[in-house]
Amino acid sequence: MQAIPLHDNLIFHDKDAHAEPLFIDENGRILRFTLKPGQSVQEHTAPSSPVYIVVLKGAGLFSGGDGQEQRFGPGTLLVLDTGEPHAIRAEVEELVFVAFLHGVPEAPWHR
């Protein structure tokens, strides 16, 4: 068994949101995102995996396939279908969430 503290050693970047791989294996990956107020993750998709997001800290605006932003805070589980467009925006407080995805496509941070 492996234990990964989700609230420890949070890294925030001044310019952009920060995505930190917490765990990667052949079955999937777990990423922790940290956003300062005003930062965002632009709309994108995960074409080969559903995305499961758990909000850990702060509240932010999340949009899914309908493009409508909704505010969610700590303890919320968001479920996005494979290929569903989504975007995230921190408003007035720091936002921290964890994203769980299936599989490991080639990505610059994975090489």
PDB file of N, CA and C in Angstrom:
ATOM      1  N   MET A   1       0.848  -1.185   0.000  1.00  0.00           N
ATOM      2  CA  MET A   1       0.000   0.000   0.000  1.00  0.00           C
ATOM      3  C   MET A   1       0.886   1.237   0.000  1.00  0.00           C
ATOM      4  N   GLN A   2       0.402   2.244  -0.681  1.00  0.00           N
ATOM      5  CA  GLN A   2       1.114   3.511  -0.752  1.00  0.00           C
ATOM      6  C   GLN A   2       0.176   4.602  -0.245  1.00  0.00           C
ATOM      7  N   ALA A   3       0.704   5.533   0.536  1.00  0.00           N
ATOM      8  CA  ALA A   3      -0.082   6.658   1.044  1.00  0.00           C
ATOM      9  C   ALA A   3       0.491   7.958   0.489  1.00  0.00           C
ATOM     10  N   ILE A   4      -0.366   8.779  -0.068  1.00  0.00           N
ATOM     11  CA  ILE A   4       0.057  10.052  -0.648  1.00  0.00           C
ATOM     12  C   ILE A   4      -0.754  11.163   0.014  1.00  0.00           C
ATOM     13  N   PRO A   5      -0.099  12.006   0.820  1.00  0.00           N
ATOM     14  CA  PRO A   5      -0.827  13.116   1.449  1.00  0.00           C
ATOM     15  C   PRO A   5      -1.282  14.122   0.387  1.00  0.00           C
ATOM     16  N   LEU A   6      -2.559  14.430   0.359  1.00  0.00           N
ATOM     17  CA  LEU A   6      -3.101  15.285  -0.693  1.00  0.00           C
ATOM     18  C   LEU A   6      -3.021  16.777  -0.379  1.00  0.00           C
ATOM     19  N   HIS A   7      -2.887  17.125   0.904  1.00  0.00           N
ATOM     20  CA  HIS A   7      -2.861  18.532   1.298  1.00  0.00           C
ATOM     21  C   HIS A   7      -1.451  19.044   1.599  1.00  0.00           C
ATOM     22  N   ASP A   8      -0.442  18.191   1.535  1.00  0.00           N
ATOM     23  CA  ASP A   8       0.927  18.592   1.885  1.00  0.00           C
ATOM     24  C   ASP A   8       1.689  19.106   0.674  1.00  0.00           C
ATOM     25  N   ASN A   9       2.625  20.014   0.934  1.00  0.00           N
ATOM     26  CA  ASN A   9       3.566  20.501  -0.081  1.00  0.00           C
ATOM     27  C   ASN A   9       2.875  20.997  -1.346  1.00  0.00           C
ATOM     28  N   LEU A  10       1.869  21.822  -1.177  1.00  0.00           N
ATOM     29  CA  LEU A  10       1.165  22.387  -2.321  1.00  0.00           C
ATOM     30  C   LEU A  10       2.062  23.387  -3.039  1.00  0.00           C
ATOM     31  N   ILE A  11       2.108  23.295  -4.354  1.00  0.00           N
ATOM     32  CA  ILE A  11       2.931  24.187  -5.171  1.00  0.00           C
ATOM     33  C   ILE A  11       2.002  25.024  -6.039  1.00  0.00           C
ATOM     34  N   PHE A  12       2.124  26.344  -5.915  1.00  0.00           N
ATOM     35  CA  PHE A  12       1.358  27.270  -6.743  1.00  0.00           C
ATOM     36  C   PHE A  12       2.331  28.037  -7.619  1.00  0.00           C
ATOM     37  N   HIS A  13       2.015  28.206  -8.883  1.00  0.00           N
ATOM     38  CA  HIS A  13       2.828  29.019  -9.781  1.00  0.00           C
ATOM     39  C   HIS A  13       2.180  30.394  -9.920  1.00  0.00           C
ATOM     40  N   ASP A  14       3.008  31.407 -10.122  1.00  0.00           N
ATOM     41  CA  ASP A  14       2.480  32.767 -10.221  1.00  0.00           C
ATOM     42  C   ASP A  14       1.725  33.008 -11.515  1.00  0.00           C
ATOM     43  N   LYS A  15       2.195  32.441 -12.618  1.00  0.00           N
ATOM     44  CA  LYS A  15       1.619  32.748 -13.927  1.00  0.00           C
ATOM     45  C   LYS A  15       0.425  31.861 -14.281  1.00  0.00           C
ATOM     46  N   ASP A  16       0.588  30.542 -14.137  1.00  0.00           N
ATOM     47  CA  ASP A  16      -0.431  29.598 -14.593  1.00  0.00           C
ATOM     48  C   ASP A  16      -0.778  28.585 -13.510  1.00  0.00           C
ATOM     49  N   ALA A  17      -1.885  27.906 -13.742  1.00  0.00           N
ATOM     50  CA  ALA A  17      -2.258  26.785 -12.874  1.00  0.00           C
ATOM     51  C   ALA A  17      -1.146  25.744 -12.907  1.00  0.00           C
ATOM     52  N   HIS A  18      -1.009  24.990 -11.814  1.00  0.00           N
ATOM     53  CA  HIS A  18       0.038  23.976 -11.723  1.00  0.00           C
ATOM     54  C   HIS A  18      -0.607  22.597 -11.646  1.00  0.00           C
ATOM     55  N   ALA A  19      -0.146  21.669 -12.485  1.00  0.00           N
ATOM     56  CA  ALA A  19      -0.605  20.282 -12.463  1.00  0.00           C
ATOM     57  C   ALA A  19       0.571  19.411 -12.050  1.00  0.00           C
ATOM     58  N   GLU A  20       0.411  18.681 -10.971  1.00  0.00           N
ATOM     59  CA  GLU A  20       1.483  17.837 -10.440  1.00  0.00           C
ATOM     60  C   GLU A  20       1.056  16.373 -10.460  1.00  0.00           C
ATOM     61  N   PRO A  21       1.783  15.531 -11.182  1.00  0.00           N
ATOM     62  CA  PRO A  21       1.469  14.096 -11.146  1.00  0.00           C
ATOM     63  C   PRO A  21       1.789  13.537  -9.755  1.00  0.00           C
ATOM     64  N   LEU A  22       0.780  12.974  -9.099  1.00  0.00           N
ATOM     65  CA  LEU A  22       0.986  12.357  -7.788  1.00  0.00           C
ATOM     66  C   LEU A  22       1.264  10.872  -7.902  1.00  0.00           C
ATOM     67  N   PHE A  23       0.691  10.255  -8.939  1.00  0.00           N
ATOM     68  CA  PHE A  23       0.862   8.811  -9.130  1.00  0.00           C
ATOM     69  C   PHE A  23       0.575   8.484 -10.585  1.00  0.00           C
ATOM     70  N   ILE A  24       1.443   7.682 -11.187  1.00  0.00           N
ATOM     71  CA  ILE A  24       1.255   7.238 -12.567  1.00  0.00           C
ATOM     72  C   ILE A  24       1.677   5.784 -12.668  1.00  0.00           C
ATOM     73  N   ASP A  25       0.822   4.970 -13.265  1.00  0.00           N
ATOM     74  CA  ASP A  25       1.218   3.612 -13.621  1.00  0.00           C
ATOM     75  C   ASP A  25       0.521   3.261 -14.931  1.00  0.00           C
ATOM     76  N   GLU A  26       0.622   2.021 -15.368  1.00  0.00           N
ATOM     77  CA  GLU A  26       0.061   1.641 -16.667  1.00  0.00           C
ATOM     78  C   GLU A  26      -1.461   1.717 -16.711  1.00  0.00           C
ATOM     79  N   ASN A  27      -2.115   1.781 -15.553  1.00  0.00           N
ATOM     80  CA  ASN A  27      -3.577   1.801 -15.509  1.00  0.00           C
ATOM     81  C   ASN A  27      -4.175   3.199 -15.485  1.00  0.00           C
ATOM     82  N   GLY A  28      -3.389   4.177 -15.084  1.00  0.00           N
ATOM     83  CA  GLY A  28      -3.945   5.520 -15.012  1.00  0.00           C
ATOM     84  C   GLY A  28      -3.016   6.492 -14.319  1.00  0.00           C
ATOM     85  N   ARG A  29      -3.555   7.679 -14.065  1.00  0.00           N
ATOM     86  CA  ARG A  29      -2.763   8.711 -13.418  1.00  0.00           C
ATOM     87  C   ARG A  29      -3.645   9.556 -12.512  1.00  0.00           C
ATOM     88  N   ILE A  30      -2.997  10.102 -11.487  1.00  0.00           N
ATOM     89  CA  ILE A  30      -3.658  10.984 -10.540  1.00  0.00           C
ATOM     90  C   ILE A  30      -2.860  12.277 -10.519  1.00  0.00           C
ATOM     91  N   LEU A  31      -3.531  13.382 -10.812  1.00  0.00           N
ATOM     92  CA  LEU A  31      -2.883  14.679 -10.885  1.00  0.00           C
ATOM     93  C   LEU A  31      -3.492  15.614  -9.852  1.00  0.00           C
ATOM     94  N   ARG A  32      -2.636  16.405  -9.186  1.00  0.00           N
ATOM     95  CA  ARG A  32      -3.135  17.425  -8.264  1.00  0.00           C
ATOM     96  C   ARG A  32      -2.948  18.786  -8.924  1.00  0.00           C
ATOM     97  N   PHE A  33      -4.027  19.538  -9.014  1.00  0.00           N
ATOM     98  CA  PHE A  33      -4.007  20.868  -9.611  1.00  0.00           C
ATOM     99  C   PHE A  33      -4.097  21.919  -8.517  1.00  0.00           C
ATOM    100  N   THR A  34      -3.291  22.969  -8.654  1.00  0.00           N
ATOM    101  CA  THR A  34      -3.335  24.101  -7.741  1.00  0.00           C
ATOM    102  C   THR A  34      -3.474  25.376  -8.569  1.00  0.00           C
ATOM    103  N   LEU A  35      -4.450  26.182  -8.207  1.00  0.00           N
ATOM    104  CA  LEU A  35      -4.708  27.431  -8.918  1.00  0.00           C
ATOM    105  C   LEU A  35      -4.792  28.572  -7.920  1.00  0.00           C
ATOM    106  N   LYS A  36      -4.135  29.667  -8.237  1.00  0.00           N
ATOM    107  CA  LYS A  36      -4.287  30.895  -7.465  1.00  0.00           C
ATOM    108  C   LYS A  36      -5.540  31.606  -7.969  1.00  0.00           C
ATOM    109  N   PRO A  37      -6.075  32.538  -7.163  1.00  0.00           N
ATOM    110  CA  PRO A  37      -7.243  33.282  -7.619  1.00  0.00           C
ATOM    111  C   PRO A  37      -6.997  33.908  -8.998  1.00  0.00           C
ATOM    112  N   GLY A  38      -7.975  33.751  -9.881  1.00  0.00           N
ATOM    113  CA  GLY A  38      -7.877  34.300 -11.221  1.00  0.00           C
ATOM    114  C   GLY A  38      -7.266  33.359 -12.248  1.00  0.00           C
ATOM    115  N   GLN A  39      -6.609  32.295 -11.806  1.00  0.00           N
ATOM    116  CA  GLN A  39      -6.016  31.351 -12.752  1.00  0.00           C
ATOM    117  C   GLN A  39      -7.073  30.372 -13.251  1.00  0.00           C
ATOM    118  N   SER A  40      -6.788  29.762 -14.401  1.00  0.00           N
ATOM    119  CA  SER A  40      -7.755  28.830 -14.969  1.00  0.00           C
ATOM    120  C   SER A  40      -7.060  27.707 -15.723  1.00  0.00           C
ATOM    121  N   VAL A  41      -7.819  26.667 -15.961  1.00  0.00           N
ATOM    122  CA  VAL A  41      -7.435  25.583 -16.855  1.00  0.00           C
ATOM    123  C   VAL A  41      -8.374  25.728 -18.046  1.00  0.00           C
ATOM    124  N   GLN A  42      -7.824  26.057 -19.198  1.00  0.00           N
ATOM    125  CA  GLN A  42      -8.624  26.300 -20.390  1.00  0.00           C
ATOM    126  C   GLN A  42      -9.388  25.044 -20.810  1.00  0.00           C
ATOM    127  N   GLU A  43     -10.456  25.239 -21.538  1.00  0.00           N
ATOM    128  CA  GLU A  43     -11.273  24.116 -21.971  1.00  0.00           C
ATOM    129  C   GLU A  43     -10.428  23.119 -22.763  1.00  0.00           C
ATOM    130  N   HIS A  44     -10.587  21.855 -22.434  1.00  0.00           N
ATOM    131  CA  HIS A  44      -9.870  20.766 -23.083  1.00  0.00           C
ATOM    132  C   HIS A  44     -10.672  19.488 -22.885  1.00  0.00           C
ATOM    133  N   THR A  45     -10.190  18.386 -23.444  1.00  0.00           N
ATOM    134  CA  THR A  45     -10.833  17.089 -23.273  1.00  0.00           C
ATOM    135  C   THR A  45      -9.789  16.048 -22.899  1.00  0.00           C
ATOM    136  N   ALA A  46     -10.254  14.951 -22.367  1.00  0.00           N
ATOM    137  CA  ALA A  46      -9.436  13.754 -22.178  1.00  0.00           C
ATOM    138  C   ALA A  46     -10.053  12.727 -23.128  1.00  0.00           C
ATOM    139  N   PRO A  47      -9.536  12.613 -24.352  1.00  0.00           N
ATOM    140  CA  PRO A  47     -10.207  11.819 -25.383  1.00  0.00           C
ATOM    141  C   PRO A  47     -10.251  10.317 -25.137  1.00  0.00           C
ATOM    142  N   SER A  48      -9.406   9.817 -24.238  1.00  0.00           N
ATOM    143  CA  SER A  48      -9.372   8.370 -24.033  1.00  0.00           C
ATOM    144  C   SER A  48      -9.709   7.951 -22.603  1.00  0.00           C
ATOM    145  N   SER A  49     -10.285   8.867 -21.814  1.00  0.00           N
ATOM    146  CA  SER A  49     -10.572   8.532 -20.421  1.00  0.00           C
ATOM    147  C   SER A  49     -11.676   9.415 -19.863  1.00  0.00           C
ATOM    148  N   PRO A  50     -12.512   8.842 -18.976  1.00  0.00           N
ATOM    149  CA  PRO A  50     -13.351   9.729 -18.174  1.00  0.00           C
ATOM    150  C   PRO A  50     -12.422  10.475 -17.205  1.00  0.00           C
ATOM    151  N   VAL A  51     -12.906  11.558 -16.640  1.00  0.00           N
ATOM    152  CA  VAL A  51     -12.129  12.322 -15.663  1.00  0.00           C
ATOM    153  C   VAL A  51     -12.962  12.424 -14.395  1.00  0.00           C
ATOM    154  N   TYR A  52     -12.364  12.041 -13.278  1.00  0.00           N
ATOM    155  CA  TYR A  52     -13.016  12.154 -11.978  1.00  0.00           C
ATOM    156  C   TYR A  52     -12.232  13.190 -11.188  1.00  0.00           C
ATOM    157  N   ILE A  53     -12.921  14.234 -10.726  1.00  0.00           N
ATOM    158  CA  ILE A  53     -12.281  15.333 -10.005  1.00  0.00           C
ATOM    159  C   ILE A  53     -12.839  15.381  -8.593  1.00  0.00           C
ATOM    160  N   VAL A  54     -11.933  15.513  -7.602  1.00  0.00           N
ATOM    161  CA  VAL A  54     -12.325  15.712  -6.212  1.00  0.00           C
ATOM    162  C   VAL A  54     -11.743  17.047  -5.765  1.00  0.00           C
ATOM    163  N   VAL A  55     -12.614  17.968  -5.362  1.00  0.00           N
ATOM    164  CA  VAL A  55     -12.170  19.271  -4.882  1.00  0.00           C
ATOM    165  C   VAL A  55     -11.704  19.122  -3.437  1.00  0.00           C
ATOM    166  N   LEU A  56     -10.465  19.577  -3.173  1.00  0.00           N
ATOM    167  CA  LEU A  56      -9.882  19.462  -1.841  1.00  0.00           C
ATOM    168  C   LEU A  56      -9.935  20.755  -1.046  1.00  0.00           C
ATOM    169  N   LYS A  57      -9.718  21.889  -1.726  1.00  0.00           N
ATOM    170  CA  LYS A  57      -9.595  23.166  -1.022  1.00  0.00           C
ATOM    171  C   LYS A  57     -10.127  24.281  -1.914  1.00  0.00           C
ATOM    172  N   GLY A  58     -10.833  25.230  -1.315  1.00  0.00           N
ATOM    173  CA  GLY A  58     -11.343  26.371  -2.052  1.00  0.00           C
ATOM    174  C   GLY A  58     -12.565  26.007  -2.869  1.00  0.00           C
ATOM    175  N   ALA A  59     -13.120  27.021  -3.507  1.00  0.00           N
ATOM    176  CA  ALA A  59     -14.244  26.814  -4.414  1.00  0.00           C
ATOM    177  C   ALA A  59     -13.852  27.390  -5.758  1.00  0.00           C
ATOM    178  N   GLY A  60     -14.341  26.772  -6.814  1.00  0.00           N
ATOM    179  CA  GLY A  60     -14.021  27.244  -8.151  1.00  0.00           C
ATOM    180  C   GLY A  60     -15.182  27.023  -9.080  1.00  0.00           C
ATOM    181  N   LEU A  61     -15.045  27.555 -10.276  1.00  0.00           N
ATOM    182  CA  LEU A  61     -16.063  27.397 -11.305  1.00  0.00           C
ATOM    183  C   LEU A  61     -15.620  26.310 -12.273  1.00  0.00           C
ATOM    184  N   PHE A  62     -16.468  25.314 -12.448  1.00  0.00           N
ATOM    185  CA  PHE A  62     -16.190  24.167 -13.305  1.00  0.00           C
ATOM    186  C   PHE A  62     -17.264  24.121 -14.385  1.00  0.00           C
ATOM    187  N   SER A  63     -16.851  23.890 -15.628  1.00  0.00           N
ATOM    188  CA  SER A  63     -17.831  23.703 -16.696  1.00  0.00           C
ATOM    189  C   SER A  63     -17.578  22.359 -17.355  1.00  0.00           C
ATOM    190  N   GLY A  64     -18.662  21.747 -17.797  1.00  0.00           N
ATOM    191  CA  GLY A  64     -18.585  20.468 -18.491  1.00  0.00           C
ATOM    192  C   GLY A  64     -19.030  20.626 -19.920  1.00  0.00           C
ATOM    193  N   GLY A  65     -19.611  19.592 -20.481  1.00  0.00           N
ATOM    194  CA  GLY A  65     -19.993  19.557 -21.876  1.00  0.00           C
ATOM    195  C   GLY A  65     -20.997  20.622 -22.294  1.00  0.00           C
ATOM    196  N   ASP A  66     -21.817  21.109 -21.351  1.00  0.00           N
ATOM    197  CA  ASP A  66     -22.797  22.138 -21.704  1.00  0.00           C
ATOM    198  C   ASP A  66     -22.210  23.539 -21.671  1.00  0.00           C
ATOM    199  N   GLY A  67     -20.965  23.671 -21.196  1.00  0.00           N
ATOM    200  CA  GLY A  67     -20.285  24.963 -21.163  1.00  0.00           C
ATOM    201  C   GLY A  67     -20.730  25.889 -20.046  1.00  0.00           C
ATOM    202  N   GLN A  68     -21.677  25.469 -19.223  1.00  0.00           N
ATOM    203  CA  GLN A  68     -22.187  26.299 -18.136  1.00  0.00           C
ATOM    204  C   GLN A  68     -21.306  26.143 -16.894  1.00  0.00           C
ATOM    205  N   GLU A  69     -20.800  27.267 -16.371  1.00  0.00           N
ATOM    206  CA  GLU A  69     -19.985  27.218 -15.159  1.00  0.00           C
ATOM    207  C   GLU A  69     -20.868  27.001 -13.936  1.00  0.00           C
ATOM    208  N   GLN A  70     -20.362  26.133 -13.036  1.00  0.00           N
ATOM    209  CA  GLN A  70     -21.026  25.892 -11.761  1.00  0.00           C
ATOM    210  C   GLN A  70     -19.973  25.931 -10.671  1.00  0.00           C
ATOM    211  N   ARG A  71     -20.317  26.495  -9.528  1.00  0.00           N
ATOM    212  CA  ARG A  71     -19.382  26.613  -8.407  1.00  0.00           C
ATOM    213  C   ARG A  71     -19.430  25.334  -7.558  1.00  0.00           C
ATOM    214  N   PHE A  72     -18.233  24.780  -7.302  1.00  0.00           N
ATOM    215  CA  PHE A  72     -18.121  23.606  -6.437  1.00  0.00           C
ATOM    216  C   PHE A  72     -16.976  23.823  -5.470  1.00  0.00           C
ATOM    217  N   GLY A  73     -17.123  23.244  -4.278  1.00  0.00           N
ATOM    218  CA  GLY A  73     -16.112  23.393  -3.243  1.00  0.00           C
ATOM    219  C   GLY A  73     -15.671  22.059  -2.681  1.00  0.00           C
ATOM    220  N   PRO A  74     -14.947  22.101  -1.552  1.00  0.00           N
ATOM    221  CA  PRO A  74     -14.351  20.906  -0.962  1.00  0.00           C
ATOM    222  C   PRO A  74     -15.357  19.781  -0.720  1.00  0.00           C
ATOM    223  N   GLY A  75     -14.896  18.586  -0.994  1.00  0.00           N
ATOM    224  CA  GLY A  75     -15.717  17.403  -0.776  1.00  0.00           C
ATOM    225  C   GLY A  75     -16.617  17.052  -1.941  1.00  0.00           C
ATOM    226  N   THR A  76     -16.502  17.770  -3.056  1.00  0.00           N
ATOM    227  CA  THR A  76     -17.336  17.500  -4.218  1.00  0.00           C
ATOM    228  C   THR A  76     -16.606  16.575  -5.187  1.00  0.00           C
ATOM    229  N   LEU A  77     -17.324  15.581  -5.693  1.00  0.00           N
ATOM    230  CA  LEU A  77     -16.819  14.689  -6.732  1.00  0.00           C
ATOM    231  C   LEU A  77     -17.506  15.064  -8.036  1.00  0.00           C
ATOM    232  N   LEU A  78     -16.709  15.389  -9.059  1.00  0.00           N
ATOM    233  CA  LEU A  78     -17.240  15.701 -10.382  1.00  0.00           C
ATOM    234  C   LEU A  78     -16.865  14.569 -11.324  1.00  0.00           C
ATOM    235  N   VAL A  79     -17.800  14.139 -12.149  1.00  0.00           N
ATOM    236  CA  VAL A  79     -17.587  13.036 -13.079  1.00  0.00           C
ATOM    237  C   VAL A  79     -17.792  13.556 -14.500  1.00  0.00           C
ATOM    238  N   LEU A  80     -16.733  13.481 -15.308  1.00  0.00           N
ATOM    239  CA  LEU A  80     -16.780  13.922 -16.704  1.00  0.00           C
ATOM    240  C   LEU A  80     -16.617  12.707 -17.605  1.00  0.00           C
ATOM    241  N   ASP A  81     -17.448  12.618 -18.616  1.00  0.00           N
ATOM    242  CA  ASP A  81     -17.392  11.496 -19.544  1.00  0.00           C
ATOM    243  C   ASP A  81     -16.139  11.570 -20.423  1.00  0.00           C
ATOM    244  N   THR A  82     -15.762  10.453 -20.978  1.00  0.00           N
ATOM    245  CA  THR A  82     -14.649  10.404 -21.931  1.00  0.00           C
ATOM    246  C   THR A  82     -14.911  11.408 -23.054  1.00  0.00           C
ATOM    247  N   GLY A  83     -13.931  12.269 -23.304  1.00  0.00           N
ATOM    248  CA  GLY A  83     -14.035  13.246 -24.372  1.00  0.00           C
ATOM    249  C   GLY A  83     -14.884  14.472 -24.060  1.00  0.00           C
ATOM    250  N   GLU A  84     -15.449  14.559 -22.864  1.00  0.00           N
ATOM    251  CA  GLU A  84     -16.299  15.710 -22.525  1.00  0.00           C
ATOM    252  C   GLU A  84     -15.445  16.962 -22.314  1.00  0.00           C
ATOM    253  N   PRO A  85     -15.731  18.041 -23.024  1.00  0.00           N
ATOM    254  CA  PRO A  85     -14.975  19.282 -22.820  1.00  0.00           C
ATOM    255  C   PRO A  85     -15.212  19.808 -21.404  1.00  0.00           C
ATOM    256  N   HIS A  86     -14.150  20.335 -20.794  1.00  0.00           N
ATOM    257  CA  HIS A  86     -14.286  20.902 -19.459  1.00  0.00           C
ATOM    258  C   HIS A  86     -13.235  21.988 -19.241  1.00  0.00           C
ATOM    259  N   ALA A  87     -13.553  22.901 -18.329  1.00  0.00           N
ATOM    260  CA  ALA A  87     -12.661  23.994 -17.970  1.00  0.00           C
ATOM    261  C   ALA A  87     -12.861  24.304 -16.496  1.00  0.00           C
ATOM    262  N   ILE A  88     -11.846  24.916 -15.878  1.00  0.00           N
ATOM    263  CA  ILE A  88     -11.877  25.216 -14.453  1.00  0.00           C
ATOM    264  C   ILE A  88     -11.332  26.615 -14.243  1.00  0.00           C
ATOM    265  N   ARG A  89     -11.929  27.338 -13.271  1.00  0.00           N
ATOM    266  CA  ARG A  89     -11.459  28.689 -12.972  1.00  0.00           C
ATOM    267  C   ARG A  89     -11.551  28.946 -11.477  1.00  0.00           C
ATOM    268  N   ALA A  90     -10.438  29.429 -10.898  1.00  0.00           N
ATOM    269  CA  ALA A  90     -10.428  29.851  -9.497  1.00  0.00           C
ATOM    270  C   ALA A  90     -10.885  31.302  -9.454  1.00  0.00           C
ATOM    271  N   GLU A  91     -11.719  31.621  -8.495  1.00  0.00           N
ATOM    272  CA  GLU A  91     -12.224  32.992  -8.405  1.00  0.00           C
ATOM    273  C   GLU A  91     -11.401  33.805  -7.407  1.00  0.00           C
ATOM    274  N   VAL A  92     -11.832  33.849  -6.166  1.00  0.00           N
ATOM    275  CA  VAL A  92     -11.214  34.731  -5.172  1.00  0.00           C
ATOM    276  C   VAL A  92     -10.366  34.004  -4.141  1.00  0.00           C
ATOM    277  N   GLU A  93     -10.276  32.690  -4.245  1.00  0.00           N
ATOM    278  CA  GLU A  93      -9.468  31.925  -3.294  1.00  0.00           C
ATOM    279  C   GLU A  93      -8.684  30.850  -4.034  1.00  0.00           C
ATOM    280  N   GLU A  94      -7.649  30.333  -3.373  1.00  0.00           N
ATOM    281  CA  GLU A  94      -6.869  29.247  -3.958  1.00  0.00           C
ATOM    282  C   GLU A  94      -7.771  28.029  -4.139  1.00  0.00           C
ATOM    283  N   LEU A  95      -7.552  27.320  -5.230  1.00  0.00           N
ATOM    284  CA  LEU A  95      -8.334  26.129  -5.554  1.00  0.00           C
ATOM    285  C   LEU A  95      -7.386  24.954  -5.713  1.00  0.00           C
ATOM    286  N   VAL A  96      -7.694  23.856  -5.031  1.00  0.00           N
ATOM    287  CA  VAL A  96      -6.892  22.638  -5.126  1.00  0.00           C
ATOM    288  C   VAL A  96      -7.849  21.480  -5.394  1.00  0.00           C
ATOM    289  N   PHE A  97      -7.538  20.689  -6.428  1.00  0.00           N
ATOM    290  CA  PHE A  97      -8.349  19.512  -6.717  1.00  0.00           C
ATOM    291  C   PHE A  97      -7.462  18.408  -7.273  1.00  0.00           C
ATOM    292  N   VAL A  98      -7.969  17.192  -7.197  1.00  0.00           N
ATOM    293  CA  VAL A  98      -7.270  16.020  -7.700  1.00  0.00           C
ATOM    294  C   VAL A  98      -8.096  15.440  -8.845  1.00  0.00           C
ATOM    295  N   ALA A  99      -7.409  15.083  -9.947  1.00  0.00           N
ATOM    296  CA  ALA A  99      -8.071  14.479 -11.102  1.00  0.00           C
ATOM    297  C   ALA A  99      -7.556  13.061 -11.293  1.00  0.00           C
ATOM    298  N   PHE A 100      -8.471  12.127 -11.502  1.00  0.00           N
ATOM    299  CA  PHE A 100      -8.151  10.723 -11.720  1.00  0.00           C
ATOM    300  C   PHE A 100      -8.513  10.377 -13.162  1.00  0.00           C
ATOM    301  N   LEU A 101      -7.563   9.790 -13.907  1.00  0.00           N
ATOM    302  CA  LEU A 101      -7.794   9.416 -15.306  1.00  0.00           C
ATOM    303  C   LEU A 101      -7.309   7.993 -15.547  1.00  0.00           C
ATOM    304  N   HIS A 102      -7.945   7.316 -16.500  1.00  0.00           N
ATOM    305  CA  HIS A 102      -7.537   5.974 -16.913  1.00  0.00           C
ATOM    306  C   HIS A 102      -6.433   6.083 -17.957  1.00  0.00           C
ATOM    307  N   GLY A 103      -5.543   5.124 -17.988  1.00  0.00           N
ATOM    308  CA  GLY A 103      -4.513   5.073 -19.021  1.00  0.00           C
ATOM    309  C   GLY A 103      -3.494   6.193 -18.898  1.00  0.00           C
ATOM    310  N   VAL A 104      -2.433   6.081 -19.675  1.00  0.00           N
ATOM    311  CA  VAL A 104      -1.355   7.055 -19.627  1.00  0.00           C
ATOM    312  C   VAL A 104      -0.923   7.387 -21.050  1.00  0.00           C
ATOM    313  N   PRO A 105      -1.571   8.370 -21.683  1.00  0.00           N
ATOM    314  CA  PRO A 105      -1.128   8.761 -23.018  1.00  0.00           C
ATOM    315  C   PRO A 105       0.209   9.477 -22.932  1.00  0.00           C
ATOM    316  N   GLU A 106       0.926   9.510 -24.034  1.00  0.00           N
ATOM    317  CA  GLU A 106       2.182  10.231 -24.058  1.00  0.00           C
ATOM    318  C   GLU A 106       1.915  11.706 -23.802  1.00  0.00           C
ATOM    319  N   ALA A 107       2.651  12.276 -22.869  1.00  0.00           N
ATOM    320  CA  ALA A 107       2.532  13.688 -22.538  1.00  0.00           C
ATOM    321  C   ALA A 107       3.914  14.202 -22.165  1.00  0.00           C
ATOM    322  N   PRO A 108       4.192  15.493 -22.363  1.00  0.00           N
ATOM    323  CA  PRO A 108       5.524  16.034 -22.076  1.00  0.00           C
ATOM    324  C   PRO A 108       5.994  15.769 -20.649  1.00  0.00           C
ATOM    325  N   TRP A 109       5.085  15.845 -19.663  1.00  0.00           N
ATOM    326  CA  TRP A 109       5.503  15.655 -18.274  1.00  0.00           C
ATOM    327  C   TRP A 109       5.737  14.179 -17.965  1.00  0.00           C
ATOM    328  N   HIS A 110       5.328  13.269 -18.854  1.00  0.00           N
ATOM    329  CA  HIS A 110       5.457  11.838 -18.587  1.00  0.00           C
ATOM    330  C   HIS A 110       6.741  11.245 -19.175  1.00  0.00           C
ATOM    331  N   ARG A 111       7.383  11.934 -20.082  1.00  0.00           N
ATOM    332  CA  ARG A 111       8.562  11.376 -20.759  1.00  0.00           C
ATOM    333  C   ARG A 111       9.759  11.367 -19.859  1.00  0.00           C
TER     334      ARG A 111
END
